[in-house]
Amino acid sequence: MPRRVTIDDVARLAGVHKATVSRALNEATRSQVRAATVERVRAAADELGYVPDVVARGLRTKTSMTIGVIIPDLMNPIFPPIVRGIEHVLQPRGYTALLANTDGRDAVELAAFESLVQRRVDGFIVATGRLGAQPAVERAHRDGVFAVMVNREAGSAPYPVVTNDSESGMAAAVQHLVDLGHRRIAHLAGPRDFSTTRARADAFAAAARELPGVRTRVVDAGALTTEAGQRAMDELLARGARRPTAIIGGNDLVALGAIRSLHAHGLRVPEDVSVVGFNDMPFAADFSPSLTTVRVPLREMGMESARLLLAAIEMRQLDARTIRIPVSLVVRDSTGPCCE
């Protein structure tokens, strides 16, 4: 069996002390080493195929070098970019993410927390936060477990939150449609027990109040899925009242469902009805027509949540605060001038 490459081997090849190697290969201490030395150490580590001994480091620091990442739906396209952002920060620091999918069920979430705590993870990044009681998150806070919420708020548990500026994104979407001449705009909203979807619905109503002559309505889509968006649009068209000339979906999947419904009813997008989504999921530009949407920097949200958690672990202190990542409107083919 070949001998394991050690930090001493890297130090000899790079011509530096092994403490310098340790600092150069650790993102938290890399700034203490000259850039040229860091590059020399990295080159030596790559040449030798050096892999940090995470077990030994964990014994020294009394950490497991693992982070629990809990998400509600692995099939939802917004979560893979968030997880990739988390891993982008964790991996250079020697941490491994242990991923758990809950299917949005409290019992599964609680079981995942308990299982990962038994595996002695150093902290959690949780994307399942809902408004109201959250037994797993609340228990974790009572037990002194480090955690950061990403994308959705933590309810009553005072954990840090990394989310997006839904309010400014919705305001930009509404203004874009008004600038195109639309005066009847509907919002197909997601579940109100999610902080993000409630914030978007509230922001939609607030933006409409600032625009005289614009008639708006909010329709509860019930879920953030394509099927729910199609059902909500079907119901809206079946009401018999004058249909809206523009739709804003609670997310891109809801917007896609609205487009399917409009096509099924013989309506064209955007000639008859303009449609805007929210999130800019990876395939939004491939819709037919390509989707105008509010771009949420999902990968950056994951990165920021990982940075917050690692800082808390190192400082042994967790400050409850909310970080809102800026969003931007991406205009594509699904919106156009009002036809009326």
Foldseek 3Di string as FASTA:
>chain_A
DDDADDLVQLCVQLVHDSVLLVQLLAPVRVVVDDPVSSVSSVVSCVVVVHDDDQVVVCVVVVANLEEEEEEADPPPLLVVLLVLLQCVQSVSNSHYYDYDYQVLDLVSLQVSLVVVVVVRHQAYEYANAWADDRVNLVVCVVVLGAYEYEQFDHHPRLAAYEHADLLVFLLVVVVVQVVLPFQEEEEAFEDCRTPLRVNNVVSNVVSNVVDPRHHYYYFHLHHQALCSLLVRLLVQVPPPPDHGQEYEYNALRSQNNNCVNCVVVVHDFNLRHAYEGEACRVCQVVPVPRHWYKHDSSSVRSNVRSVQRVVCSVVVHGHRDYHHHYIGTDDTRRHHHHND
